[in-house]
Amino acid sequence: MNTDYEEIAVYEGDDLIAAVKRLAENEEFTVWLKKHSGKTISPFQKTLLLTTMRMSKDPLRVLDNKIVFPFLEALIRKTTDGVYLSGGENIPSAGAFFMSNHRDIILDAALLSYELKTSYDIRPYLGVGNNLFAAEWIEDLMRVCKCFTVIRNGAPKEVMAHAELLSRYISAKRSEGGSFWLAQREGRAKDGNDRTQPAVLKMLTLAKSANTSAGGAQETIGDDFISRLKRLNITPVAITYDIDPCDYLKAREMQLKRDDITWHKTPEDDMLNMKTGLFTPKGQVHLVITPCINDELDYIAAETDVRNEQIRRAAELIDRHIHSAYYLSPFNRAAAALATGNRDLANDDEIHSFEHYITRQINRIEIPDGGRDIPFLRNCLITMYANPALNKRVFEK
């Protein structure tokens, strides 16, 4: 591992094998694995896996085929009505920076990575916030699964230093042809209103890019904001779940934040969200890859050279790609009908089914001292399902 990136890089080579060994010997992980997949790792299996990885030119492929993908395939069978990837013709030949909306802490990245690998032999680097590392084995698990770390805590100077480091790491790996996935924003859009955070685009363009001339000298070219963004090949992806397993937890969080502005999620809350997202039924899942935005970025550059305006327009461009590609479920249509009062947006059966569902979900929400604000929680659930449909309608108009 390049020691410059040791704090954030995915595990590769010997570091990957060492982390897999730690996981196989970690009691918390092995208990978790057995509970949720029925699988155990015997001493013989551990030795065989590590030996096979050491002998392979691609140890990650061995890990994927033996452990990671069988786990995901079982998860897909048990908790979905199918995962559907479309738009593969839009993937740039020189690699892509996939940027999607963010619904589920783990599955957005995991399902996209699995589908890209099995359909197109693309295994992207995946961005994961260090706030999710509630235990050392979780960090090991993430980083062996080709996840790089987005460090979100620290003093302002530390945050900026980490952002610059991350930007350099991404730039270096993209220059080698590696593909990436990163959510369009920090944290999930609890209200379903997916908007690209300008700060994410600013971070991605912090690092200067250099080309090597024929004589071996480094020459920096095209280092304006648009040029740096174009080198990434940003390719937006729209991710939709028929049912968001964490919807009631998101609604609960919104009320708790409303009632107490100092309230923050605990590591235990993150673990509950990860577990619920992974193992609860979610209906169909649709992953729609839209075209790379590079050509449209040229139009932005031609219209304005004001950096902040370029950033704003680039964020809106990514949003339009995602909003236009949503695959809407009956719950999305029913929620839009309830949110707008336009019952022509869904049929009566869809609306009745959705109203029954959100009543059931509200009953699962626990607020201290019995303080559930049922009208507020109902509105939260309607809004988070309605916004994708409403945003898609704006695009279509």
Protein backbone atom coordinates (compact mmCIF):
# COMPACT_ATOMS: atom_id res chain seq x y z
CA MET A 1 0.00 0.00 0.00
CA ASN A 2 1.19 3.52 -0.80
CA THR A 3 1.84 4.89 2.69
CA ASP A 4 0.61 8.33 1.60
CA TYR A 5 -2.91 6.88 1.48
CA GLU A 6 -2.63 4.31 4.28
CA GLU A 7 -5.42 5.92 6.32
CA ILE A 8 -8.02 5.82 3.55
CA ALA A 9 -7.00 3.31 0.87
CA VAL A 10 -8.68 0.01 0.09
CA TYR A 11 -6.75 -3.05 1.20
CA GLU A 12 -4.77 -4.63 -1.61
CA GLY A 13 -2.10 -7.33 -1.90
CA ASP A 14 -0.62 -8.41 1.43
CA ASP A 15 -2.76 -5.88 3.33
CA LEU A 16 -5.89 -7.49 1.88
CA ILE A 17 -4.82 -10.99 2.88
CA ALA A 18 -3.82 -9.85 6.39
CA ALA A 19 -7.21 -8.18 6.90
CA VAL A 20 -9.08 -11.29 5.71
CA LYS A 21 -7.06 -13.33 8.23
CA ARG A 22 -8.05 -10.89 11.01
CA LEU A 23 -11.70 -11.17 10.02
CA ALA A 24 -11.63 -14.97 9.95
CA GLU A 25 -10.21 -14.93 13.49
CA ASN A 26 -12.55 -12.22 14.83
CA GLU A 27 -15.31 -13.70 16.99
CA GLU A 28 -17.74 -10.77 16.50
CA PHE A 29 -17.47 -11.05 12.72
CA THR A 30 -17.77 -14.84 12.61
CA VAL A 31 -20.83 -14.75 14.88
CA TRP A 32 -22.38 -12.04 12.67
CA LEU A 33 -21.60 -14.02 9.51
CA LYS A 34 -23.13 -17.22 10.87
CA LYS A 35 -26.24 -15.44 12.16
CA HIS A 36 -27.02 -13.70 8.88
CA SER A 37 -25.76 -16.17 6.28
CA GLY A 38 -25.55 -19.49 8.05
CA LYS A 39 -21.89 -19.72 7.02
CA THR A 40 -19.00 -20.57 9.30
CA ILE A 41 -15.27 -20.32 8.64
CA SER A 42 -13.45 -23.38 9.95
CA PRO A 43 -9.67 -23.33 10.49
CA PHE A 44 -9.30 -25.48 7.35
CA GLN A 45 -11.50 -23.12 5.28
CA LYS A 46 -9.54 -20.11 6.55
CA THR A 47 -6.22 -21.71 5.59
CA LEU A 48 -7.54 -22.77 2.18
CA LEU A 49 -8.96 -19.30 1.46
CA LEU A 50 -5.79 -17.47 2.48
CA THR A 51 -3.57 -19.88 0.57
CA THR A 52 -5.68 -19.52 -2.57
CA MET A 53 -5.61 -15.73 -2.25
CA ARG A 54 -1.83 -15.69 -1.83
CA MET A 55 -1.38 -17.83 -4.95
CA SER A 56 -3.73 -15.72 -7.06
CA LYS A 57 -2.78 -12.70 -9.16
CA ASP A 58 -6.17 -11.25 -8.19
CA PRO A 59 -6.84 -12.11 -4.52
CA LEU A 60 -9.90 -9.85 -4.41
CA ARG A 61 -11.53 -11.94 -7.13
CA VAL A 62 -10.95 -15.04 -5.00
CA LEU A 63 -12.53 -13.33 -1.98
CA ASP A 64 -15.48 -12.14 -4.08
CA ASN A 65 -16.14 -15.56 -5.56
CA LYS A 66 -15.76 -17.46 -2.29
CA ILE A 67 -17.36 -15.12 0.26
CA VAL A 68 -18.63 -11.71 -0.84
CA PHE A 69 -20.73 -12.49 -3.91
CA PRO A 70 -22.36 -15.68 -2.53
CA PHE A 71 -23.41 -13.59 0.50
CA LEU A 72 -24.89 -10.88 -1.76
CA GLU A 73 -26.59 -13.42 -4.02
CA ALA A 74 -28.30 -15.01 -1.01
CA LEU A 75 -29.29 -11.55 0.21
CA ILE A 76 -30.79 -10.66 -3.18
CA ARG A 77 -32.80 -13.92 -3.24
CA LYS A 78 -34.11 -13.51 0.28
CA THR A 79 -34.83 -9.77 0.48
CA THR A 80 -35.61 -8.54 -3.05
CA ASP A 81 -37.89 -9.31 -5.96
CA GLY A 82 -34.92 -8.85 -8.26
CA VAL A 83 -32.11 -6.36 -8.87
CA TYR A 84 -32.13 -4.82 -12.33
CA LEU A 85 -29.20 -2.96 -13.89
CA SER A 86 -29.74 -0.97 -17.08
CA GLY A 87 -27.85 1.63 -19.08
CA GLY A 88 -24.62 -0.33 -19.39
CA GLU A 89 -24.10 1.16 -22.85
CA ASN A 90 -23.46 4.50 -21.09
CA ILE A 91 -20.33 3.31 -19.24
CA PRO A 92 -17.25 5.14 -20.61
CA SER A 93 -14.62 2.81 -22.05
CA ALA A 94 -11.88 4.59 -20.07
CA GLY A 95 -13.57 3.87 -16.73
CA ALA A 96 -16.27 5.77 -14.87
CA PHE A 97 -16.88 7.71 -11.72
CA PHE A 98 -20.35 6.47 -10.85
CA MET A 99 -22.24 8.99 -8.73
CA SER A 100 -25.66 8.00 -7.42
CA ASN A 101 -28.38 9.11 -5.09
CA HIS A 102 -28.08 7.60 -1.63
CA ARG A 103 -30.85 5.43 -0.16
CA ASP A 104 -29.14 2.66 1.81
CA ILE A 105 -25.92 2.85 3.84
CA ILE A 106 -24.47 -0.40 2.48
CA LEU A 107 -26.61 -1.74 -0.36
CA ASP A 108 -26.40 1.20 -2.78
CA ALA A 109 -22.70 0.54 -3.26
CA ALA A 110 -22.78 -3.23 -2.73
CA LEU A 111 -25.53 -3.99 -5.25
CA LEU A 112 -24.13 -1.64 -7.90
CA SER A 113 -20.66 -3.14 -7.47
CA TYR A 114 -22.01 -6.68 -7.71
CA GLU A 115 -24.08 -5.96 -10.82
CA LEU A 116 -21.24 -4.11 -12.55
CA LYS A 117 -18.80 -6.92 -11.82
CA THR A 118 -21.06 -9.75 -12.92
CA SER A 119 -22.34 -7.93 -16.03
CA TYR A 120 -19.33 -5.89 -17.18
CA ASP A 121 -16.33 -7.13 -15.14
CA ILE A 122 -16.05 -3.70 -13.49
CA ARG A 123 -15.26 -3.69 -9.76
CA PRO A 124 -15.33 -0.02 -8.70
CA TYR A 125 -13.71 1.52 -5.66
CA LEU A 126 -16.50 2.36 -3.20
CA GLY A 127 -16.62 5.38 -0.90
CA VAL A 128 -17.70 4.74 2.72
CA GLY A 129 -17.76 7.20 5.62
CA ASN A 130 -15.61 6.37 8.64
CA ASN A 131 -18.60 7.14 10.86
CA LEU A 132 -19.79 3.61 10.04
CA PHE A 133 -16.74 1.95 11.58
CA ALA A 134 -18.38 1.13 14.90
CA ALA A 135 -15.93 -1.75 15.38
CA GLU A 136 -12.51 -2.61 13.96
CA TRP A 137 -13.87 -5.65 12.13
CA ILE A 138 -16.36 -3.43 10.26
CA GLU A 139 -13.52 -1.27 8.94
CA ASP A 140 -11.63 -4.41 7.90
CA LEU A 141 -14.73 -5.80 6.20
CA MET A 142 -15.34 -2.58 4.27
CA ARG A 143 -11.76 -2.13 3.15
CA VAL A 144 -11.33 -5.74 1.97
CA CYS A 145 -14.47 -5.18 -0.15
CA LYS A 146 -12.67 -2.42 -2.09
CA CYS A 147 -14.07 0.44 -0.01
CA PHE A 148 -11.97 3.54 0.51
CA THR A 149 -12.55 5.71 3.56
CA VAL A 150 -14.18 9.12 3.55
CA ILE A 151 -13.08 10.72 6.84
CA ARG A 152 -15.86 12.96 8.14
CA ASN A 153 -14.70 14.02 11.59
CA GLY A 154 -12.03 16.36 12.89
CA ALA A 155 -11.22 20.04 13.19
CA PRO A 156 -11.73 22.21 10.07
CA LYS A 157 -8.05 22.02 9.08
CA GLU A 158 -8.10 18.23 9.47
CA VAL A 159 -11.28 17.93 7.41
CA MET A 160 -9.68 19.97 4.60
CA ALA A 161 -6.48 17.91 4.77
CA HIS A 162 -8.48 14.68 4.57
CA ALA A 163 -10.48 16.04 1.61
CA GLU A 164 -7.28 16.92 -0.26
CA LEU A 165 -5.83 13.47 0.50
CA LEU A 166 -8.99 11.76 -0.74
CA SER A 167 -9.03 13.86 -3.89
CA ARG A 168 -5.42 12.90 -4.66
CA TYR A 169 -6.16 9.22 -4.03
CA ILE A 170 -9.15 9.27 -6.38
CA SER A 171 -7.18 11.16 -9.02
CA ALA A 172 -4.30 8.68 -8.82
CA LYS A 173 -6.55 5.63 -9.13
CA ARG A 174 -8.62 7.17 -11.94
CA SER A 175 -5.40 7.90 -13.86
CA GLU A 176 -4.72 4.15 -13.70
CA GLY A 177 -8.15 3.44 -15.21
CA GLY A 178 -9.93 2.47 -11.99
CA SER A 179 -13.67 3.09 -11.74
CA PHE A 180 -15.29 4.60 -8.63
CA TRP A 181 -18.62 4.94 -6.88
CA LEU A 182 -19.50 7.75 -4.52
CA ALA A 183 -22.85 9.05 -3.31
CA GLN A 184 -23.87 12.50 -4.51
CA ARG A 185 -24.06 13.74 -0.94
CA GLU A 186 -22.78 13.04 2.55
CA GLY A 187 -25.36 10.82 4.22
CA ARG A 188 -28.64 9.53 2.86
CA ALA A 189 -31.37 11.87 1.63
CA LYS A 190 -33.83 11.14 4.43
CA ASP A 191 -36.66 12.95 2.64
CA GLY A 192 -35.99 11.32 -0.74
CA ASN A 193 -35.14 14.68 -2.31
CA ASP A 194 -31.86 13.73 -3.97
CA ARG A 195 -29.58 16.72 -4.53
CA THR A 196 -25.87 16.72 -5.32
CA GLN A 197 -23.87 18.57 -2.70
CA PRO A 198 -21.53 21.14 -4.27
CA ALA A 199 -19.01 20.29 -1.52
CA VAL A 200 -18.64 16.79 -2.99
CA LEU A 201 -17.74 18.22 -6.40
CA LYS A 202 -15.33 20.68 -4.81
CA MET A 203 -13.59 17.84 -2.98
CA LEU A 204 -13.27 15.77 -6.15
CA THR A 205 -11.49 18.63 -7.92
CA LEU A 206 -9.03 19.61 -5.19
CA ALA A 207 -6.23 17.48 -6.61
CA LYS A 208 -4.23 18.73 -9.55
CA SER A 209 -3.90 16.24 -12.39
CA ALA A 210 -0.61 15.67 -14.15
CA ASN A 211 0.32 14.04 -17.42
CA THR A 212 3.73 12.60 -18.16
CA SER A 213 5.38 13.92 -21.29
CA ALA A 214 7.47 11.76 -23.61
CA GLY A 215 10.62 12.90 -21.81
CA GLY A 216 9.24 11.84 -18.43
CA ALA A 217 8.58 15.36 -17.14
CA GLN A 218 5.33 16.09 -15.37
CA GLU A 219 3.14 18.71 -17.01
CA THR A 220 -0.13 19.90 -15.53
CA ILE A 221 -2.82 20.47 -18.13
CA GLY A 222 -6.39 21.73 -18.01
CA ASP A 223 -6.53 22.38 -14.29
CA ASP A 224 -9.69 24.47 -14.20
CA PHE A 225 -12.73 23.07 -12.39
CA ILE A 226 -14.48 21.71 -15.49
CA SER A 227 -11.33 20.01 -16.83
CA ARG A 228 -10.68 18.28 -13.50
CA LEU A 229 -14.29 17.13 -13.33
CA LYS A 230 -14.22 15.81 -16.90
CA ARG A 231 -11.15 13.67 -16.18
CA LEU A 232 -13.23 11.69 -13.70
CA ASN A 233 -15.89 10.69 -16.28
CA ILE A 234 -18.77 11.29 -13.88
CA THR A 235 -21.58 8.90 -14.81
CA PRO A 236 -24.74 9.44 -12.74
CA VAL A 237 -26.76 6.45 -11.52
CA ALA A 238 -30.37 6.45 -10.30
CA ILE A 239 -31.02 3.90 -7.54
CA THR A 240 -34.57 3.05 -6.50
CA TYR A 241 -36.03 0.50 -4.10
CA ASP A 242 -39.72 -0.38 -4.21
CA ILE A 243 -39.63 -0.29 -0.41
CA ASP A 244 -37.03 1.50 1.69
CA PRO A 245 -36.47 -0.84 4.65
CA CYS A 246 -35.15 2.05 6.76
CA ASP A 247 -38.03 4.42 6.02
CA TYR A 248 -39.44 4.29 9.55
CA LEU A 249 -35.97 4.79 11.05
CA LYS A 250 -35.46 7.85 8.83
CA ALA A 251 -38.84 9.27 9.89
CA ARG A 252 -37.94 8.66 13.54
CA GLU A 253 -34.64 10.46 13.04
CA MET A 254 -36.41 13.43 11.46
CA GLN A 255 -38.72 13.82 14.45
CA LEU A 256 -35.90 13.44 16.96
CA LYS A 257 -33.91 16.14 15.16
CA ARG A 258 -36.95 18.38 14.99
CA ASP A 259 -37.62 17.96 18.72
CA ASP A 260 -33.98 18.36 19.78
CA ILE A 261 -31.54 20.11 17.44
CA THR A 262 -28.62 18.65 19.45
CA TRP A 263 -29.71 15.05 18.79
CA HIS A 264 -27.23 12.91 16.83
CA LYS A 265 -27.23 9.31 15.73
CA THR A 266 -25.15 6.90 17.78
CA PRO A 267 -22.96 4.11 16.41
CA GLU A 268 -25.74 1.77 17.53
CA ASP A 269 -28.21 3.70 15.35
CA ASP A 270 -25.89 3.27 12.35
CA MET A 271 -25.59 -0.46 13.04
CA LEU A 272 -29.40 -0.79 13.23
CA ASN A 273 -29.79 1.07 9.93
CA MET A 274 -27.17 -1.14 8.27
CA LYS A 275 -28.78 -4.33 9.58
CA THR A 276 -32.31 -3.22 8.65
CA GLY A 277 -31.24 -2.14 5.18
CA LEU A 278 -29.45 -5.40 4.51
CA PHE A 279 -31.89 -7.98 5.83
CA THR A 280 -35.40 -6.51 5.40
CA PRO A 281 -37.51 -7.07 2.24
CA LYS A 282 -37.24 -4.22 -0.27
CA GLY A 283 -39.13 -5.34 -3.38
CA GLN A 284 -37.50 -4.65 -6.72
CA VAL A 285 -34.25 -2.67 -6.91
CA HIS A 286 -33.43 -0.71 -10.06
CA LEU A 287 -29.99 0.67 -10.91
CA VAL A 288 -30.10 2.92 -13.99
CA ILE A 289 -26.80 4.13 -15.44
CA THR A 290 -27.16 7.42 -17.31
CA PRO A 291 -24.72 8.96 -19.82
CA CYS A 292 -21.42 10.50 -18.73
CA ILE A 293 -21.86 14.25 -18.19
CA ASN A 294 -18.65 15.36 -19.96
CA ASP A 295 -20.29 16.75 -23.11
CA GLU A 296 -22.75 18.77 -21.04
CA LEU A 297 -19.93 20.09 -18.88
CA ASP A 298 -18.46 21.66 -22.03
CA TYR A 299 -21.67 23.67 -22.44
CA ILE A 300 -21.36 24.91 -18.85
CA ALA A 301 -17.75 25.96 -19.46
CA ALA A 302 -18.79 27.80 -22.63
CA GLU A 303 -21.55 29.71 -20.82
CA THR A 304 -19.69 30.80 -17.67
CA ASP A 305 -16.16 30.88 -16.30
CA VAL A 306 -17.31 31.73 -12.76
CA ARG A 307 -16.24 28.72 -10.66
CA ASN A 308 -19.08 28.79 -8.12
CA GLU A 309 -21.61 29.03 -10.94
CA GLN A 310 -19.94 26.10 -12.73
CA ILE A 311 -20.12 24.05 -9.53
CA ARG A 312 -23.81 24.89 -9.04
CA ARG A 313 -24.69 24.00 -12.61
CA ALA A 314 -22.66 20.78 -12.53
CA ALA A 315 -24.53 19.69 -9.38
CA GLU A 316 -27.87 20.46 -11.03
CA LEU A 317 -26.77 18.55 -14.14
CA ILE A 318 -26.10 15.41 -12.10
CA ASP A 319 -29.46 15.85 -10.38
CA ARG A 320 -31.28 16.02 -13.73
CA HIS A 321 -29.63 12.80 -14.89
CA ILE A 322 -30.66 10.99 -11.71
CA HIS A 323 -34.18 12.41 -11.49
CA SER A 324 -34.97 11.61 -15.11
CA ALA A 325 -33.88 7.98 -14.70
CA TYR A 326 -35.84 7.04 -11.57
CA TYR A 327 -37.79 3.81 -11.86
CA LEU A 328 -40.98 4.65 -9.95
CA SER A 329 -42.70 2.06 -7.78
CA PRO A 330 -46.42 1.94 -6.89
CA PHE A 331 -45.49 3.47 -3.51
CA ASN A 332 -43.80 6.40 -5.26
CA ARG A 333 -46.90 7.03 -7.35
CA ALA A 334 -49.27 6.67 -4.38
CA ALA A 335 -47.17 8.99 -2.21
CA ALA A 336 -47.10 11.61 -4.98
CA ALA A 337 -50.88 11.40 -5.23
CA LEU A 338 -51.25 11.94 -1.47
CA ALA A 339 -48.64 14.72 -1.37
CA THR A 340 -50.22 16.73 -4.18
CA GLY A 341 -53.86 15.78 -3.76
CA ASN A 342 -53.85 14.63 -7.39
CA ARG A 343 -55.26 11.13 -7.18
CA ASP A 344 -54.84 10.67 -10.91
CA LEU A 345 -51.16 9.94 -10.23
CA ALA A 346 -51.98 6.49 -8.79
CA ASN A 347 -54.88 4.08 -8.74
CA ASP A 348 -57.05 3.49 -5.66
CA ASP A 349 -55.48 0.11 -4.87
CA GLU A 350 -51.97 1.62 -4.87
CA ILE A 351 -53.04 4.47 -2.60
CA HIS A 352 -54.87 2.15 -0.19
CA SER A 353 -51.92 -0.24 -0.02
CA PHE A 354 -49.47 2.60 0.65
CA GLU A 355 -51.65 4.16 3.37
CA HIS A 356 -51.90 0.77 5.09
CA TYR A 357 -48.14 0.35 4.82
CA ILE A 358 -47.21 3.72 6.34
CA THR A 359 -49.63 3.18 9.22
CA ARG A 360 -47.84 -0.09 9.96
CA GLN A 361 -44.44 1.60 9.75
CA ILE A 362 -45.47 4.43 12.08
CA ASN A 363 -46.47 1.82 14.65
CA ARG A 364 -42.87 0.52 14.57
CA ILE A 365 -41.41 3.91 15.52
CA GLU A 366 -40.29 4.36 19.11
CA ILE A 367 -39.88 7.89 20.48
CA PRO A 368 -38.82 8.43 24.12
CA ASP A 369 -41.64 9.22 26.56
CA GLY A 370 -44.27 8.16 24.04
CA GLY A 371 -43.79 11.32 22.05
CA ARG A 372 -44.69 10.11 18.57
CA ASP A 373 -46.05 12.95 16.44
CA ILE A 374 -48.14 10.79 14.14
CA PRO A 375 -49.19 13.51 11.63
CA PHE A 376 -45.54 14.60 11.33
CA LEU A 377 -44.27 11.03 10.91
CA ARG A 378 -46.97 10.28 8.34
CA ASN A 379 -45.94 13.35 6.36
CA CYS A 380 -42.27 12.30 6.55
CA LEU A 381 -43.05 8.88 5.08
CA ILE A 382 -45.26 10.30 2.34
CA THR A 383 -42.64 12.91 1.46
CA MET A 384 -39.70 10.51 1.20
CA TYR A 385 -41.62 8.28 -1.23
CA ALA A 386 -43.23 11.18 -3.13
CA ASN A 387 -40.11 13.23 -3.86
CA PRO A 388 -38.60 10.90 -6.49
CA ALA A 389 -41.90 10.96 -8.42
CA LEU A 390 -42.26 14.72 -8.04
CA ASN A 391 -38.67 15.36 -9.13
CA LYS A 392 -39.12 13.10 -12.15
CA ARG A 393 -42.29 15.01 -13.11
CA VAL A 394 -40.40 18.31 -12.99
CA PHE A 395 -37.85 16.91 -15.42
CA GLU A 396 -40.51 15.51 -17.74
CA LYS A 397 -42.27 18.88 -17.90
